[in-house]
Amino acid sequence: GKNSRVCLTLLHRFRKEGGKLRVEGDVRLKLLELQAQEELDAMSFDERSELLEKNAKKVNVVRKLPPEVRARHLEKLGEEEKLELVQCEILMSTLVQSQGWQDRVARESA
């Protein structure tokens, strides 16, 4: 909810300013998603395209893994790799949503 979003934002800001956090799985993932979205917002179209080209296949493979195997795989990755995968996943889901919206508009205007 709204309170957890505020808490995550404060934790993210603290970490960005050099603070060290000791948080577990779900909170760590949410912070990673926040960081990923923030960095995506600052990227150019070309940078986003390059990120998609580099990581789309990896994201599709990881998405198909059973949840427990996926979690173990992600734990083995370095922070930069995790960040790039999350960024790519966000981009891919945004593209899918956008395509769905475009399809809907096309159907309604036909």
PDB file of N, CA and C in Angstrom:
ATOM      1  N   GLY A   1       0.815  -1.189   0.000  1.00  0.00           N
ATOM      2  CA  GLY A   1       0.000   0.000   0.000  1.00  0.00           C
ATOM      3  C   GLY A   1       0.858   1.251   0.000  1.00  0.00           C
ATOM      4  N   LYS A   2       0.221   2.349   0.274  1.00  0.00           N
ATOM      5  CA  LYS A   2       0.894   3.643   0.252  1.00  0.00           C
ATOM      6  C   LYS A   2       2.010   3.728   1.299  1.00  0.00           C
ATOM      7  N   ASN A   3       1.749   3.203   2.502  1.00  0.00           N
ATOM      8  CA  ASN A   3       2.763   3.261   3.560  1.00  0.00           C
ATOM      9  C   ASN A   3       4.016   2.471   3.203  1.00  0.00           C
ATOM     10  N   SER A   4       3.829   1.281   2.624  1.00  0.00           N
ATOM     11  CA  SER A   4       5.009   0.486   2.272  1.00  0.00           C
ATOM     12  C   SER A   4       5.786   1.167   1.153  1.00  0.00           C
ATOM     13  N   ARG A   5       5.099   1.831   0.239  1.00  0.00           N
ATOM     14  CA  ARG A   5       5.769   2.573  -0.845  1.00  0.00           C
ATOM     15  C   ARG A   5       6.612   3.708  -0.262  1.00  0.00           C
ATOM     16  N   VAL A   6       6.063   4.417   0.713  1.00  0.00           N
ATOM     17  CA  VAL A   6       6.797   5.511   1.364  1.00  0.00           C
ATOM     18  C   VAL A   6       8.031   4.961   2.071  1.00  0.00           C
ATOM     19  N   CYS A   7       7.867   3.855   2.784  1.00  0.00           N
ATOM     20  CA  CYS A   7       8.999   3.240   3.489  1.00  0.00           C
ATOM     21  C   CYS A   7      10.084   2.802   2.504  1.00  0.00           C
ATOM     22  N   LEU A   8       9.676   2.180   1.412  1.00  0.00           N
ATOM     23  CA  LEU A   8      10.646   1.748   0.403  1.00  0.00           C
ATOM     24  C   LEU A   8      11.377   2.936  -0.202  1.00  0.00           C
ATOM     25  N   THR A   9      10.653   4.003  -0.457  1.00  0.00           N
ATOM     26  CA  THR A   9      11.268   5.211  -1.010  1.00  0.00           C
ATOM     27  C   THR A   9      12.302   5.776  -0.044  1.00  0.00           C
ATOM     28  N   LEU A  10      11.974   5.803   1.233  1.00  0.00           N
ATOM     29  CA  LEU A  10      12.918   6.305   2.244  1.00  0.00           C
ATOM     30  C   LEU A  10      14.149   5.388   2.341  1.00  0.00           C
ATOM     31  N   LEU A  11      13.941   4.081   2.322  1.00  0.00           N
ATOM     32  CA  LEU A  11      15.068   3.146   2.355  1.00  0.00           C
ATOM     33  C   LEU A  11      15.946   3.319   1.118  1.00  0.00           C
ATOM     34  N   HIS A  12      15.311   3.485  -0.020  1.00  0.00           N
ATOM     35  CA  HIS A  12      16.050   3.675  -1.276  1.00  0.00           C
ATOM     36  C   HIS A  12      16.891   4.947  -1.210  1.00  0.00           C
ATOM     37  N   ARG A  13      16.303   6.013  -0.731  1.00  0.00           N
ATOM     38  CA  ARG A  13      17.027   7.288  -0.609  1.00  0.00           C
ATOM     39  C   ARG A  13      18.208   7.145   0.353  1.00  0.00           C
ATOM     40  N   PHE A  14      17.985   6.472   1.473  1.00  0.00           N
ATOM     41  CA  PHE A  14      19.045   6.239   2.457  1.00  0.00           C
ATOM     42  C   PHE A  14      20.211   5.482   1.822  1.00  0.00           C
ATOM     43  N   ARG A  15      19.879   4.440   1.052  1.00  0.00           N
ATOM     44  CA  ARG A  15      20.919   3.642   0.394  1.00  0.00           C
ATOM     45  C   ARG A  15      21.663   4.451  -0.667  1.00  0.00           C
ATOM     46  N   LYS A  16      20.931   5.274  -1.416  1.00  0.00           N
ATOM     47  CA  LYS A  16      21.556   6.107  -2.443  1.00  0.00           C
ATOM     48  C   LYS A  16      22.559   7.088  -1.837  1.00  0.00           C
ATOM     49  N   GLU A  17      22.278   7.517  -0.623  1.00  0.00           N
ATOM     50  CA  GLU A  17      23.146   8.475   0.058  1.00  0.00           C
ATOM     51  C   GLU A  17      24.289   7.785   0.800  1.00  0.00           C
ATOM     52  N   GLY A  18      24.465   6.481   0.558  1.00  0.00           N
ATOM     53  CA  GLY A  18      25.594   5.768   1.125  1.00  0.00           C
ATOM     54  C   GLY A  18      25.283   4.906   2.329  1.00  0.00           C
ATOM     55  N   GLY A  19      24.037   4.894   2.764  1.00  0.00           N
ATOM     56  CA  GLY A  19      23.652   4.089   3.910  1.00  0.00           C
ATOM     57  C   GLY A  19      23.684   2.604   3.587  1.00  0.00           C
ATOM     58  N   LYS A  20      24.018   1.801   4.560  1.00  0.00           N
ATOM     59  CA  LYS A  20      24.053   0.346   4.389  1.00  0.00           C
ATOM     60  C   LYS A  20      22.769  -0.253   4.954  1.00  0.00           C
ATOM     61  N   LEU A  21      22.124  -1.088   4.147  1.00  0.00           N
ATOM     62  CA  LEU A  21      20.883  -1.729   4.570  1.00  0.00           C
ATOM     63  C   LEU A  21      21.093  -3.222   4.714  1.00  0.00           C
ATOM     64  N   ARG A  22      20.460  -3.793   5.715  1.00  0.00           N
ATOM     65  CA  ARG A  22      20.424  -5.245   5.858  1.00  0.00           C
ATOM     66  C   ARG A  22      18.962  -5.659   5.797  1.00  0.00           C
ATOM     67  N   VAL A  23      18.506  -5.943   4.584  1.00  0.00           N
ATOM     68  CA  VAL A  23      17.114  -6.314   4.387  1.00  0.00           C
ATOM     69  C   VAL A  23      17.054  -7.660   3.675  1.00  0.00           C
ATOM     70  N   GLU A  24      15.941  -8.323   3.831  1.00  0.00           N
ATOM     71  CA  GLU A  24      15.773  -9.654   3.251  1.00  0.00           C
ATOM     72  C   GLU A  24      15.038  -9.606   1.920  1.00  0.00           C
ATOM     73  N   GLY A  25      14.958 -10.764   1.279  1.00  0.00           N
ATOM     74  CA  GLY A  25      14.386 -11.035  -0.024  1.00  0.00           C
ATOM     75  C   GLY A  25      13.423 -10.059  -0.644  1.00  0.00           C
ATOM     76  N   ASP A  26      12.186 -10.022  -0.135  1.00  0.00           N
ATOM     77  CA  ASP A  26      11.132  -9.247  -0.776  1.00  0.00           C
ATOM     78  C   ASP A  26      11.436  -7.753  -0.743  1.00  0.00           C
ATOM     79  N   VAL A  27      11.909  -7.269   0.394  1.00  0.00           N
ATOM     80  CA  VAL A  27      12.243  -5.843   0.512  1.00  0.00           C
ATOM     81  C   VAL A  27      13.416  -5.512  -0.407  1.00  0.00           C
ATOM     82  N   ARG A  28      14.402  -6.395  -0.439  1.00  0.00           N
ATOM     83  CA  ARG A  28      15.557  -6.190  -1.315  1.00  0.00           C
ATOM     84  C   ARG A  28      15.113  -6.110  -2.779  1.00  0.00           C
ATOM     85  N   LEU A  29      14.204  -7.006  -3.181  1.00  0.00           N
ATOM     86  CA  LEU A  29      13.703  -7.009  -4.552  1.00  0.00           C
ATOM     87  C   LEU A  29      12.934  -5.724  -4.861  1.00  0.00           C
ATOM     88  N   LYS A  30      12.101  -5.289  -3.934  1.00  0.00           N
ATOM     89  CA  LYS A  30      11.339  -4.047  -4.149  1.00  0.00           C
ATOM     90  C   LYS A  30      12.273  -2.850  -4.283  1.00  0.00           C
ATOM     91  N   LEU A  31      13.341  -2.816  -3.488  1.00  0.00           N
ATOM     92  CA  LEU A  31      14.325  -1.729  -3.591  1.00  0.00           C
ATOM     93  C   LEU A  31      15.046  -1.784  -4.934  1.00  0.00           C
ATOM     94  N   LEU A  32      15.344  -2.991  -5.384  1.00  0.00           N
ATOM     95  CA  LEU A  32      15.990  -3.166  -6.680  1.00  0.00           C
ATOM     96  C   LEU A  32      15.067  -2.675  -7.798  1.00  0.00           C
ATOM     97  N   GLU A  33      13.776  -2.981  -7.694  1.00  0.00           N
ATOM     98  CA  GLU A  33      12.803  -2.512  -8.691  1.00  0.00           C
ATOM     99  C   GLU A  33      12.714  -0.995  -8.703  1.00  0.00           C
ATOM    100  N   LEU A  34      12.749  -0.387  -7.518  1.00  0.00           N
ATOM    101  CA  LEU A  34      12.718   1.075  -7.425  1.00  0.00           C
ATOM    102  C   LEU A  34      13.937   1.685  -8.108  1.00  0.00           C
ATOM    103  N   GLN A  35      15.109   1.138  -7.799  1.00  0.00           N
ATOM    104  CA  GLN A  35      16.352   1.611  -8.408  1.00  0.00           C
ATOM    105  C   GLN A  35      16.317   1.418  -9.917  1.00  0.00           C
ATOM    106  N   ALA A  36      15.834   0.248 -10.357  1.00  0.00           N
ATOM    107  CA  ALA A  36      15.765  -0.053 -11.782  1.00  0.00           C
ATOM    108  C   ALA A  36      14.871   0.952 -12.507  1.00  0.00           C
ATOM    109  N   GLN A  37      13.710   1.234 -11.942  1.00  0.00           N
ATOM    110  CA  GLN A  37      12.782   2.175 -12.571  1.00  0.00           C
ATOM    111  C   GLN A  37      13.378   3.575 -12.627  1.00  0.00           C
ATOM    112  N   GLU A  38      14.031   3.971 -11.556  1.00  0.00           N
ATOM    113  CA  GLU A  38      14.662   5.294 -11.501  1.00  0.00           C
ATOM    114  C   GLU A  38      15.732   5.428 -12.595  1.00  0.00           C
ATOM    115  N   GLU A  39      16.550   4.394 -12.739  1.00  0.00           N
ATOM    116  CA  GLU A  39      17.602   4.439 -13.759  1.00  0.00           C
ATOM    117  C   GLU A  39      17.024   4.353 -15.167  1.00  0.00           C
ATOM    118  N   LEU A  40      15.950   3.574 -15.344  1.00  0.00           N
ATOM    119  CA  LEU A  40      15.291   3.503 -16.654  1.00  0.00           C
ATOM    120  C   LEU A  40      14.752   4.871 -17.060  1.00  0.00           C
ATOM    121  N   ASP A  41      14.179   5.568 -16.099  1.00  0.00           N
ATOM    122  CA  ASP A  41      13.618   6.891 -16.378  1.00  0.00           C
ATOM    123  C   ASP A  41      14.685   7.855 -16.889  1.00  0.00           C
ATOM    124  N   ALA A  42      15.927   7.637 -16.471  1.00  0.00           N
ATOM    125  CA  ALA A  42      17.027   8.529 -16.867  1.00  0.00           C
ATOM    126  C   ALA A  42      17.700   8.094 -18.176  1.00  0.00           C
ATOM    127  N   MET A  43      17.327   6.917 -18.700  1.00  0.00           N
ATOM    128  CA  MET A  43      17.971   6.391 -19.911  1.00  0.00           C
ATOM    129  C   MET A  43      17.363   6.984 -21.178  1.00  0.00           C
ATOM    130  N   SER A  44      18.201   7.061 -22.202  1.00  0.00           N
ATOM    131  CA  SER A  44      17.729   7.463 -23.524  1.00  0.00           C
ATOM    132  C   SER A  44      17.039   6.269 -24.183  1.00  0.00           C
ATOM    133  N   PHE A  45      16.326   6.536 -25.271  1.00  0.00           N
ATOM    134  CA  PHE A  45      15.679   5.471 -26.030  1.00  0.00           C
ATOM    135  C   PHE A  45      16.709   4.446 -26.503  1.00  0.00           C
ATOM    136  N   ASP A  46      17.854   4.932 -26.991  1.00  0.00           N
ATOM    137  CA  ASP A  46      18.909   4.028 -27.478  1.00  0.00           C
ATOM    138  C   ASP A  46      19.456   3.149 -26.361  1.00  0.00           C
ATOM    139  N   GLU A  47      19.649   3.719 -25.187  1.00  0.00           N
ATOM    140  CA  GLU A  47      20.152   2.936 -24.049  1.00  0.00           C
ATOM    141  C   GLU A  47      19.150   1.848 -23.656  1.00  0.00           C
ATOM    142  N   ARG A  48      17.866   2.204 -23.674  1.00  0.00           N
ATOM    143  CA  ARG A  48      16.830   1.217 -23.350  1.00  0.00           C
ATOM    144  C   ARG A  48      16.817   0.101 -24.399  1.00  0.00           C
ATOM    145  N   SER A  49      16.927   0.480 -25.672  1.00  0.00           N
ATOM    146  CA  SER A  49      16.935  -0.514 -26.755  1.00  0.00           C
ATOM    147  C   SER A  49      18.110  -1.467 -26.602  1.00  0.00           C
ATOM    148  N   GLU A  50      19.261  -0.913 -26.289  1.00  0.00           N
ATOM    149  CA  GLU A  50      20.470  -1.724 -26.102  1.00  0.00           C
ATOM    150  C   GLU A  50      20.287  -2.691 -24.925  1.00  0.00           C
ATOM    151  N   LEU A  51      19.710  -2.196 -23.851  1.00  0.00           N
ATOM    152  CA  LEU A  51      19.449  -3.027 -22.671  1.00  0.00           C
ATOM    153  C   LEU A  51      18.519  -4.185 -23.030  1.00  0.00           C
ATOM    154  N   LEU A  52      17.472  -3.900 -23.795  1.00  0.00           N
ATOM    155  CA  LEU A  52      16.544  -4.947 -24.222  1.00  0.00           C
ATOM    156  C   LEU A  52      17.241  -5.987 -25.094  1.00  0.00           C
ATOM    157  N   GLU A  53      18.025  -5.513 -26.053  1.00  0.00           N
ATOM    158  CA  GLU A  53      18.732  -6.434 -26.944  1.00  0.00           C
ATOM    159  C   GLU A  53      19.664  -7.347 -26.156  1.00  0.00           C
ATOM    160  N   LYS A  54      20.337  -6.774 -25.172  1.00  0.00           N
ATOM    161  CA  LYS A  54      21.327  -7.511 -24.396  1.00  0.00           C
ATOM    162  C   LYS A  54      20.693  -8.541 -23.452  1.00  0.00           C
ATOM    163  N   ASN A  55      19.516  -8.229 -22.908  1.00  0.00           N
ATOM    164  CA  ASN A  55      18.984  -9.039 -21.812  1.00  0.00           C
ATOM    165  C   ASN A  55      17.648  -9.720 -22.048  1.00  0.00           C
ATOM    166  N   ALA A  56      16.963  -9.467 -23.152  1.00  0.00           N
ATOM    167  CA  ALA A  56      15.613 -10.010 -23.343  1.00  0.00           C
ATOM    168  C   ALA A  56      15.587 -11.538 -23.277  1.00  0.00           C
ATOM    169  N   LYS A  57      16.560 -12.191 -23.927  1.00  0.00           N
ATOM    170  CA  LYS A  57      16.581 -13.657 -23.905  1.00  0.00           C
ATOM    171  C   LYS A  57      16.776 -14.185 -22.485  1.00  0.00           C
ATOM    172  N   LYS A  58      17.685 -13.534 -21.737  1.00  0.00           N
ATOM    173  CA  LYS A  58      17.934 -13.957 -20.353  1.00  0.00           C
ATOM    174  C   LYS A  58      16.659 -13.840 -19.522  1.00  0.00           C
ATOM    175  N   VAL A  59      15.961 -12.707 -19.686  1.00  0.00           N
ATOM    176  CA  VAL A  59      14.736 -12.486 -18.918  1.00  0.00           C
ATOM    177  C   VAL A  59      13.712 -13.575 -19.240  1.00  0.00           C
ATOM    178  N   ASN A  60      13.557 -13.892 -20.516  1.00  0.00           N
ATOM    179  CA  ASN A  60      12.589 -14.925 -20.896  1.00  0.00           C
ATOM    180  C   ASN A  60      12.947 -16.282 -20.300  1.00  0.00           C
ATOM    181  N   VAL A  61      14.232 -16.615 -20.263  1.00  0.00           N
ATOM    182  CA  VAL A  61      14.668 -17.882 -19.669  1.00  0.00           C
ATOM    183  C   VAL A  61      14.380 -17.874 -18.165  1.00  0.00           C
ATOM    184  N   VAL A  62      14.752 -16.800 -17.492  1.00  0.00           N
ATOM    185  CA  VAL A  62      14.566 -16.709 -16.038  1.00  0.00           C
ATOM    186  C   VAL A  62      13.084 -16.742 -15.681  1.00  0.00           C
ATOM    187  N   ARG A  63      12.251 -16.084 -16.479  1.00  0.00           N
ATOM    188  CA  ARG A  63      10.798 -16.076 -16.223  1.00  0.00           C
ATOM    189  C   ARG A  63      10.208 -17.478 -16.251  1.00  0.00           C
ATOM    190  N   LYS A  64      10.780 -18.376 -17.055  1.00  0.00           N
ATOM    191  CA  LYS A  64      10.238 -19.727 -17.198  1.00  0.00           C
ATOM    192  C   LYS A  64      10.660 -20.672 -16.074  1.00  0.00           C
ATOM    193  N   LEU A  65      11.624 -20.247 -15.266  1.00  0.00           N
ATOM    194  CA  LEU A  65      12.100 -21.106 -14.175  1.00  0.00           C
ATOM    195  C   LEU A  65      11.060 -21.189 -13.066  1.00  0.00           C
ATOM    196  N   PRO A  66      10.989 -22.349 -12.387  1.00  0.00           N
ATOM    197  CA  PRO A  66      10.127 -22.435 -11.197  1.00  0.00           C
ATOM    198  C   PRO A  66      10.586 -21.400 -10.155  1.00  0.00           C
ATOM    199  N   PRO A  67       9.662 -20.858  -9.359  1.00  0.00           N
ATOM    200  CA  PRO A  67       9.997 -19.766  -8.430  1.00  0.00           C
ATOM    201  C   PRO A  67      11.229 -20.015  -7.552  1.00  0.00           C
ATOM    202  N   GLU A  68      11.353 -21.224  -6.988  1.00  0.00           N
ATOM    203  CA  GLU A  68      12.486 -21.477  -6.092  1.00  0.00           C
ATOM    204  C   GLU A  68      13.808 -21.529  -6.863  1.00  0.00           C
ATOM    205  N   VAL A  69      13.782 -22.079  -8.075  1.00  0.00           N
ATOM    206  CA  VAL A  69      14.988 -22.131  -8.909  1.00  0.00           C
ATOM    207  C   VAL A  69      15.352 -20.704  -9.361  1.00  0.00           C
ATOM    208  N   ARG A  70      14.334 -19.945  -9.703  1.00  0.00           N
ATOM    209  CA  ARG A  70      14.546 -18.554 -10.116  1.00  0.00           C
ATOM    210  C   ARG A  70      15.209 -17.750  -8.991  1.00  0.00           C
ATOM    211  N   ALA A  71      14.703 -17.904  -7.783  1.00  0.00           N
ATOM    212  CA  ALA A  71      15.253 -17.177  -6.632  1.00  0.00           C
ATOM    213  C   ALA A  71      16.722 -17.554  -6.412  1.00  0.00           C
ATOM    214  N   ARG A  72      17.037 -18.846  -6.495  1.00  0.00           N
ATOM    215  CA  ARG A  72      18.436 -19.286  -6.317  1.00  0.00           C
ATOM    216  C   ARG A  72      19.324 -18.712  -7.415  1.00  0.00           C
ATOM    217  N   HIS A  73      18.816 -18.721  -8.648  1.00  0.00           N
ATOM    218  CA  HIS A  73      19.588 -18.180  -9.777  1.00  0.00           C
ATOM    219  C   HIS A  73      19.872 -16.691  -9.568  1.00  0.00           C
ATOM    220  N   LEU A  74      18.862 -15.943  -9.174  1.00  0.00           N
ATOM    221  CA  LEU A  74      19.042 -14.499  -8.985  1.00  0.00           C
ATOM    222  C   LEU A  74      20.022 -14.194  -7.859  1.00  0.00           C
ATOM    223  N   GLU A  75      20.030 -15.039  -6.821  1.00  0.00           N
ATOM    224  CA  GLU A  75      20.959 -14.830  -5.708  1.00  0.00           C
ATOM    225  C   GLU A  75      22.412 -14.959  -6.155  1.00  0.00           C
ATOM    226  N   LYS A  76      22.660 -15.776  -7.181  1.00  0.00           N
ATOM    227  CA  LYS A  76      24.021 -16.000  -7.667  1.00  0.00           C
ATOM    228  C   LYS A  76      24.548 -14.837  -8.503  1.00  0.00           C
ATOM    229  N   LEU A  77      23.645 -14.010  -9.021  1.00  0.00           N
ATOM    230  CA  LEU A  77      24.050 -12.911  -9.898  1.00  0.00           C
ATOM    231  C   LEU A  77      24.638 -11.748  -9.105  1.00  0.00           C
ATOM    232  N   GLY A  78      25.510 -10.997  -9.755  1.00  0.00           N
ATOM    233  CA  GLY A  78      26.029  -9.775  -9.160  1.00  0.00           C
ATOM    234  C   GLY A  78      24.956  -8.698  -9.160  1.00  0.00           C
ATOM    235  N   GLU A  79      25.159  -7.658  -8.379  1.00  0.00           N
ATOM    236  CA  GLU A  79      24.159  -6.592  -8.264  1.00  0.00           C
ATOM    237  C   GLU A  79      23.859  -5.935  -9.610  1.00  0.00           C
ATOM    238  N   GLU A  80      24.887  -5.698 -10.413  1.00  0.00           N
ATOM    239  CA  GLU A  80      24.687  -5.040 -11.706  1.00  0.00           C
ATOM    240  C   GLU A  80      23.857  -5.925 -12.647  1.00  0.00           C
ATOM    241  N   GLU A  81      24.143  -7.234 -12.642  1.00  0.00           N
ATOM    242  CA  GLU A  81      23.379  -8.164 -13.480  1.00  0.00           C
ATOM    243  C   GLU A  81      21.913  -8.220 -13.049  1.00  0.00           C
ATOM    244  N   LYS A  82      21.691  -8.273 -11.736  1.00  0.00           N
ATOM    245  CA  LYS A  82      20.319  -8.286 -11.222  1.00  0.00           C
ATOM    246  C   LYS A  82      19.592  -7.019 -11.654  1.00  0.00           C
ATOM    247  N   LEU A  83      20.275  -5.894 -11.510  1.00  0.00           N
ATOM    248  CA  LEU A  83      19.671  -4.608 -11.865  1.00  0.00           C
ATOM    249  C   LEU A  83      19.290  -4.583 -13.345  1.00  0.00           C
ATOM    250  N   GLU A  84      20.192  -5.041 -14.211  1.00  0.00           N
ATOM    251  CA  GLU A  84      19.903  -5.052 -15.650  1.00  0.00           C
ATOM    252  C   GLU A  84      18.738  -5.982 -15.981  1.00  0.00           C
ATOM    253  N   LEU A  85      18.679  -7.138 -15.322  1.00  0.00           N
ATOM    254  CA  LEU A  85      17.565  -8.053 -15.573  1.00  0.00           C
ATOM    255  C   LEU A  85      16.240  -7.435 -15.138  1.00  0.00           C
ATOM    256  N   VAL A  86      16.230  -6.798 -13.983  1.00  0.00           N
ATOM    257  CA  VAL A  86      14.999  -6.166 -13.500  1.00  0.00           C
ATOM    258  C   VAL A  86      14.604  -5.016 -14.427  1.00  0.00           C
ATOM    259  N   GLN A  87      15.581  -4.219 -14.861  1.00  0.00           N
ATOM    260  CA  GLN A  87      15.287  -3.133 -15.788  1.00  0.00           C
ATOM    261  C   GLN A  87      14.679  -3.682 -17.078  1.00  0.00           C
ATOM    262  N   CYS A  88      15.259  -4.737 -17.596  1.00  0.00           N
ATOM    263  CA  CYS A  88      14.770  -5.339 -18.838  1.00  0.00           C
ATOM    264  C   CYS A  88      13.370  -5.910 -18.639  1.00  0.00           C
ATOM    265  N   GLU A  89      13.147  -6.529 -17.499  1.00  0.00           N
ATOM    266  CA  GLU A  89      11.825  -7.085 -17.208  1.00  0.00           C
ATOM    267  C   GLU A  89      10.772  -5.972 -17.157  1.00  0.00           C
ATOM    268  N   ILE A  90      11.121  -4.851 -16.536  1.00  0.00           N
ATOM    269  CA  ILE A  90      10.204  -3.704 -16.478  1.00  0.00           C
ATOM    270  C   ILE A  90       9.919  -3.198 -17.894  1.00  0.00           C
ATOM    271  N   LEU A  91      10.968  -3.059 -18.707  1.00  0.00           N
ATOM    272  CA  LEU A  91      10.781  -2.597 -20.089  1.00  0.00           C
ATOM    273  C   LEU A  91       9.890  -3.548 -20.875  1.00  0.00           C
ATOM    274  N   MET A  92      10.155  -4.845 -20.733  1.00  0.00           N
ATOM    275  CA  MET A  92       9.377  -5.825 -21.472  1.00  0.00           C
ATOM    276  C   MET A  92       7.908  -5.795 -21.060  1.00  0.00           C
ATOM    277  N   SER A  93       7.631  -5.697 -19.778  1.00  0.00           N
ATOM    278  CA  SER A  93       6.231  -5.663 -19.346  1.00  0.00           C
ATOM    279  C   SER A  93       5.568  -4.356 -19.778  1.00  0.00           C
ATOM    280  N   THR A  94       6.320  -3.269 -19.808  1.00  0.00           N
ATOM    281  CA  THR A  94       5.782  -1.992 -20.295  1.00  0.00           C
ATOM    282  C   THR A  94       5.433  -2.093 -21.775  1.00  0.00           C
ATOM    283  N   LEU A  95       6.304  -2.731 -22.547  1.00  0.00           N
ATOM    284  CA  LEU A  95       6.036  -2.913 -23.974  1.00  0.00           C
ATOM    285  C   LEU A  95       4.802  -3.776 -24.210  1.00  0.00           C
ATOM    286  N   VAL A  96       4.658  -4.836 -23.423  1.00  0.00           N
ATOM    287  CA  VAL A  96       3.496  -5.716 -23.555  1.00  0.00           C
ATOM    288  C   VAL A  96       2.219  -4.939 -23.230  1.00  0.00           C
ATOM    289  N   GLN A  97       2.248  -4.154 -22.147  1.00  0.00           N
ATOM    290  CA  GLN A  97       1.084  -3.343 -21.771  1.00  0.00           C
ATOM    291  C   GLN A  97       0.769  -2.328 -22.861  1.00  0.00           C
ATOM    292  N   SER A  98       1.804  -1.706 -23.394  1.00  0.00           N
ATOM    293  CA  SER A  98       1.636  -0.710 -24.444  1.00  0.00           C
ATOM    294  C   SER A  98       1.037  -1.349 -25.696  1.00  0.00           C
ATOM    295  N   GLN A  99       1.529  -2.527 -26.046  1.00  0.00           N
ATOM    296  CA  GLN A  99       1.009  -3.233 -27.218  1.00  0.00           C
ATOM    297  C   GLN A  99      -0.453  -3.603 -27.002  1.00  0.00           C
ATOM    298  N   GLY A 100      -0.778  -4.048 -25.805  1.00  0.00           N
ATOM    299  CA  GLY A 100      -2.169  -4.377 -25.488  1.00  0.00           C
ATOM    300  C   GLY A 100      -3.060  -3.160 -25.613  1.00  0.00           C
ATOM    301  N   TRP A 101      -2.574  -2.015 -25.154  1.00  0.00           N
ATOM    302  CA  TRP A 101      -3.319  -0.764 -25.244  1.00  0.00           C
ATOM    303  C   TRP A 101      -3.509  -0.369 -26.708  1.00  0.00           C
ATOM    304  N   GLN A 102      -2.446  -0.481 -27.494  1.00  0.00           N
ATOM    305  CA  GLN A 102      -2.534  -0.139 -28.919  1.00  0.00           C
ATOM    306  C   GLN A 102      -3.518  -1.065 -29.633  1.00  0.00           C
ATOM    307  N   ASP A 103      -3.486  -2.357 -29.307  1.00  0.00           N
ATOM    308  CA  ASP A 103      -4.414  -3.310 -29.912  1.00  0.00           C
ATOM    309  C   ASP A 103      -5.857  -2.957 -29.560  1.00  0.00           C
ATOM    310  N   ARG A 104      -6.068  -2.578 -28.311  1.00  0.00           N
ATOM    311  CA  ARG A 104      -7.418  -2.228 -27.854  1.00  0.00           C
ATOM    312  C   ARG A 104      -7.934  -0.984 -28.577  1.00  0.00           C
ATOM    313  N   VAL A 105      -7.067   0.032 -28.682  1.00  0.00           N
ATOM    314  CA  VAL A 105      -7.448   1.257 -29.384  1.00  0.00           C
ATOM    315  C   VAL A 105      -7.765   0.952 -30.846  1.00  0.00           C
ATOM    316  N   ALA A 106      -6.938   0.101 -31.480  1.00  0.00           N
ATOM    317  CA  ALA A 106      -7.151  -0.264 -32.879  1.00  0.00           C
ATOM    318  C   ALA A 106      -8.491  -0.991 -33.048  1.00  0.00           C
ATOM    319  N   ARG A 107      -8.825  -1.893 -32.124  1.00  0.00           N
ATOM    320  CA  ARG A 107     -10.097  -2.624 -32.211  1.00  0.00           C
ATOM    321  C   ARG A 107     -11.280  -1.686 -32.038  1.00  0.00           C
ATOM    322  N   GLU A 108     -11.161  -0.754 -31.084  1.00  0.00           N
ATOM    323  CA  GLU A 108     -12.264   0.165 -30.800  1.00  0.00           C
ATOM    324  C   GLU A 108     -12.479   1.177 -31.917  1.00  0.00           C
ATOM    325  N   SER A 109     -11.404   1.520 -32.617  1.00  0.00           N
ATOM    326  CA  SER A 109     -11.547   2.516 -33.692  1.00  0.00           C
ATOM    327  C   SER A 109     -11.870   1.875 -35.033  1.00  0.00           C
ATOM    328  N   ALA A 110     -11.864   0.547 -35.082  1.00  0.00           N
ATOM    329  CA  ALA A 110     -12.143  -0.153 -36.343  1.00  0.00           C
ATOM    330  C   ALA A 110     -13.623  -0.195 -36.642  1.00  0.00           C
TER     331      ALA A 110
END
